């Protein structure tokens, strides 16, 4: 003979599941509330998660692209002095600082950079390509930046990990990302074409 389950049996099983669920929910609530209440009774502040606006203002580590963005923000605002601060003079004998000043004044004069599109970022370690910025000491950022009238300028920006006093063109491991050169695409400078 086959066992028969009565309606009362399935109801009892459902009651047990509901009872287990309520116990589980009560345990979770106790942990959450207990942590907050416990930390208050000990005199500690409960841990809070900062709002999104706080996360945006926290100082993030500099990246190759953030250095480019800082320079272009200054040129877009027409602030050539801030742009020159974002592009410090490299420590190479062959570097032409007058060209750095002229290029910055040119870009700031046309307010280039309010809108720009990164076309490609190539990362290098010494003289070989690498896949990620984390492994790189040098980066080439090719982008198209628009002036205030919408005219587009193709630019190439070199960014290198630098250590103060080190003249290593392709950067050094552990250095801070620094803007190294800015020029129009296909323009030859003392640092190359």
Protein backbone atom coordinates (compact mmCIF):
# COMPACT_ATOMS: atom_id res chain seq x y z
CA UNK A 1 0.00 0.00 0.00
CA UNK A 2 1.30 3.48 -0.91
CA UNK A 3 1.59 6.08 1.81
CA UNK A 4 -0.87 8.92 1.48
CA UNK A 5 0.06 12.42 2.51
CA UNK A 6 -2.80 14.34 3.90
CA UNK A 7 -3.38 18.04 3.44
CA UNK A 8 -2.45 18.49 7.07
CA UNK A 9 1.00 16.94 6.46
CA UNK A 10 1.94 19.29 3.60
CA UNK A 11 0.71 22.24 5.62
CA UNK A 12 2.89 21.14 8.53
CA UNK A 13 5.91 20.88 6.22
CA UNK A 14 5.20 24.37 4.85
CA UNK A 15 4.90 25.70 8.40
CA UNK A 16 8.34 24.23 9.22
CA UNK A 17 9.89 25.91 6.14
CA UNK A 18 8.30 29.23 7.04
CA UNK A 19 9.50 28.81 10.63
CA UNK A 20 13.10 28.12 9.44
CA UNK A 21 12.97 31.14 7.11
CA UNK A 22 11.76 33.39 9.93
CA UNK A 23 14.55 32.10 12.19
CA UNK A 24 17.11 32.79 9.44
CA UNK A 25 15.72 36.33 8.84
CA UNK A 26 15.73 37.00 12.60
CA UNK A 27 19.37 35.86 12.83
CA UNK A 28 20.42 38.19 10.00
CA UNK A 29 18.51 41.08 11.58
CA UNK A 30 20.16 40.37 14.93
CA UNK A 31 23.63 40.46 13.39
CA UNK A 32 22.93 43.70 11.53
CA UNK A 33 21.21 45.44 14.44
CA UNK A 34 23.50 43.89 17.01
CA UNK A 35 26.56 45.21 15.19
CA UNK A 36 25.19 48.73 15.08
CA UNK A 37 23.86 48.63 18.65
CA UNK A 38 26.95 46.86 19.93
CA UNK A 39 29.26 49.43 18.45
CA UNK A 40 27.17 52.21 19.97
CA UNK A 41 27.21 50.62 23.39
CA UNK A 42 30.98 50.23 23.26
CA UNK A 43 31.27 53.87 22.27
CA UNK A 44 32.38 53.30 18.68
CA UNK A 45 30.79 54.76 15.62
CA UNK A 46 29.14 52.30 13.26
CA UNK A 47 30.99 51.94 9.98
CA UNK A 48 29.44 54.04 7.24
CA UNK A 49 29.96 53.84 3.51
CA UNK A 50 30.89 57.21 2.02
CA UNK A 51 28.46 58.73 -0.42
CA UNK A 52 29.39 58.71 -4.12
CA UNK A 53 30.39 62.39 -3.95
CA UNK A 54 33.01 61.55 -1.32
CA UNK A 55 34.44 58.82 -3.52
CA UNK A 56 34.86 61.24 -6.40
CA UNK A 57 36.84 63.74 -4.35
CA UNK A 58 39.27 61.18 -2.93
CA UNK A 59 42.72 61.46 -4.43
CA UNK A 60 43.07 58.64 -6.90
CA UNK A 61 46.52 57.58 -8.01
CA UNK A 62 47.65 59.36 -11.15
CA UNK A 63 47.35 57.47 -14.41
CA UNK A 64 48.73 58.25 -17.83
CA UNK A 65 45.29 59.33 -19.03
CA UNK A 66 44.58 61.42 -15.91
CA UNK A 67 47.74 63.46 -16.62
CA UNK A 68 46.52 64.04 -20.17
CA UNK A 69 43.05 64.98 -18.88
CA UNK A 70 44.52 67.50 -16.41
CA UNK A 71 46.53 69.18 -19.16
CA UNK A 72 43.57 69.33 -21.55
CA UNK A 73 41.26 70.67 -18.82
CA UNK A 74 43.67 73.56 -18.31
CA UNK A 75 44.05 74.30 -22.04
CA UNK A 76 40.26 74.07 -22.51
CA UNK A 77 39.87 76.70 -19.77
CA UNK A 78 42.43 78.91 -21.53
CA UNK A 79 44.72 78.68 -18.49
CA UNK A 80 48.19 78.26 -19.96
CA UNK A 81 49.88 78.58 -16.54
CA UNK A 82 47.90 75.65 -15.11
CA UNK A 83 48.59 73.69 -18.29
CA UNK A 84 52.32 74.34 -17.95
CA UNK A 85 52.13 73.06 -14.37
CA UNK A 86 50.45 69.90 -15.70
CA UNK A 87 53.30 69.54 -18.23
CA UNK A 88 56.51 70.14 -16.27
CA UNK A 89 59.68 70.67 -18.29
CA UNK A 90 61.38 67.29 -18.83
CA UNK A 91 64.96 66.86 -17.64
CA UNK A 92 66.47 66.15 -21.09
CA UNK A 93 69.22 68.29 -22.57
CA UNK A 94 67.69 68.00 -26.03
CA UNK A 95 64.19 69.04 -24.89
CA UNK A 96 63.09 72.43 -26.22
CA UNK A 97 61.28 74.19 -23.38
CA UNK A 98 60.32 77.09 -25.68
CA UNK A 99 58.31 74.63 -27.80
CA UNK A 100 56.56 73.40 -24.63
CA UNK A 101 55.52 76.96 -23.76
CA UNK A 102 54.49 77.81 -27.35
CA UNK A 103 52.46 74.60 -27.76
CA UNK A 104 50.69 75.19 -24.47
CA UNK A 105 49.86 78.80 -25.34
CA UNK A 106 48.60 77.65 -28.76
CA UNK A 107 46.28 75.00 -27.28
CA UNK A 108 45.11 77.28 -24.45
CA UNK A 109 44.55 80.14 -26.91
CA UNK A 110 42.19 78.02 -28.99
CA UNK A 111 40.77 76.45 -25.77
CA UNK A 112 41.46 72.99 -27.10
CA UNK A 113 40.43 70.03 -24.97
CA UNK A 114 36.94 70.66 -23.61
CA UNK A 115 35.83 67.74 -25.77
CA UNK A 116 38.27 65.05 -26.83
CA UNK A 117 38.25 61.43 -27.92
CA UNK A 118 41.06 59.05 -27.09
CA UNK A 119 41.82 57.09 -30.26
CA UNK A 120 44.48 54.80 -28.84
CA UNK A 121 46.76 54.37 -25.85
CA UNK A 122 49.94 52.37 -26.36
CA UNK A 123 51.83 51.24 -23.29
CA UNK A 124 55.51 50.35 -23.21
CA UNK A 125 58.07 48.97 -20.82
CA UNK A 126 61.52 49.98 -21.96
CA UNK A 127 61.27 49.47 -25.73
CA UNK A 128 58.61 46.76 -25.90
CA UNK A 129 54.83 47.01 -25.91
CA UNK A 130 52.86 45.83 -22.90
CA UNK A 131 49.14 45.29 -22.46
CA UNK A 132 48.37 47.23 -19.29
CA UNK A 133 49.28 50.53 -17.72
CA UNK A 134 50.29 48.71 -14.54
CA UNK A 135 53.18 47.05 -16.44
CA UNK A 136 54.19 50.20 -18.34
CA UNK A 137 56.70 52.96 -17.77
CA UNK A 138 55.80 54.91 -20.90
CA UNK A 139 52.56 55.62 -22.78
CA UNK A 140 51.57 57.28 -26.02
CA UNK A 141 48.06 58.72 -26.01
CA UNK A 142 46.66 59.58 -29.43
CA UNK A 143 43.50 61.64 -29.36
CA UNK A 144 41.36 64.13 -31.23
CA UNK A 145 40.58 67.28 -29.26
CA UNK A 146 38.15 70.00 -30.29
CA UNK A 147 38.48 73.73 -29.78
CA UNK A 148 35.59 75.97 -28.76
CA UNK A 149 34.37 76.22 -32.38
CA UNK A 150 34.34 72.45 -32.86
CA UNK A 151 37.46 72.23 -35.04
CA UNK A 152 39.29 68.98 -34.30
CA UNK A 153 43.03 68.70 -33.68
CA UNK A 154 44.74 65.29 -33.72
CA UNK A 155 47.29 65.24 -30.91
CA UNK A 156 49.86 62.80 -29.61
CA UNK A 157 50.87 63.01 -25.96
CA UNK A 158 53.78 61.17 -24.39
CA UNK A 159 53.48 60.25 -20.72
CA UNK A 160 56.29 58.66 -18.73
CA UNK A 161 56.79 57.37 -15.20
CA UNK A 162 59.34 59.78 -13.83
CA UNK A 163 61.39 60.08 -10.68
CA UNK A 164 62.70 63.58 -9.91
CA UNK A 165 66.19 63.99 -11.27
CA UNK A 166 66.03 60.89 -13.46
CA UNK A 167 66.49 61.57 -17.17
CA UNK A 168 65.09 58.16 -18.23
CA UNK A 169 63.05 58.95 -21.37
CA UNK A 170 61.02 55.72 -21.30
CA UNK A 171 60.35 56.05 -17.59
CA UNK A 172 61.29 54.07 -14.54
CA UNK A 173 59.47 51.44 -12.52
CA UNK A 174 57.77 53.03 -9.52
CA UNK A 175 57.83 56.53 -10.94
CA UNK A 176 54.88 58.93 -10.99
CA UNK A 177 53.10 59.42 -14.34
CA UNK A 178 54.21 62.74 -15.84
CA UNK A 179 53.29 64.43 -19.10
CA UNK A 180 56.45 64.36 -21.21
CA UNK A 181 55.54 65.83 -24.61
CA UNK A 182 52.57 67.14 -26.58
CA UNK A 183 52.57 67.53 -30.33
CA UNK A 184 50.36 67.34 -33.37
CA UNK A 185 50.12 63.85 -34.89
CA UNK A 186 52.84 63.34 -37.55
CA UNK A 187 54.86 66.30 -36.24
CA UNK A 188 58.54 65.66 -35.60
CA UNK A 189 60.12 67.09 -32.46
CA UNK A 190 63.43 66.65 -30.68
CA UNK A 191 61.91 63.61 -28.93
CA UNK A 192 60.93 61.90 -32.16
CA UNK A 193 58.22 61.70 -34.81
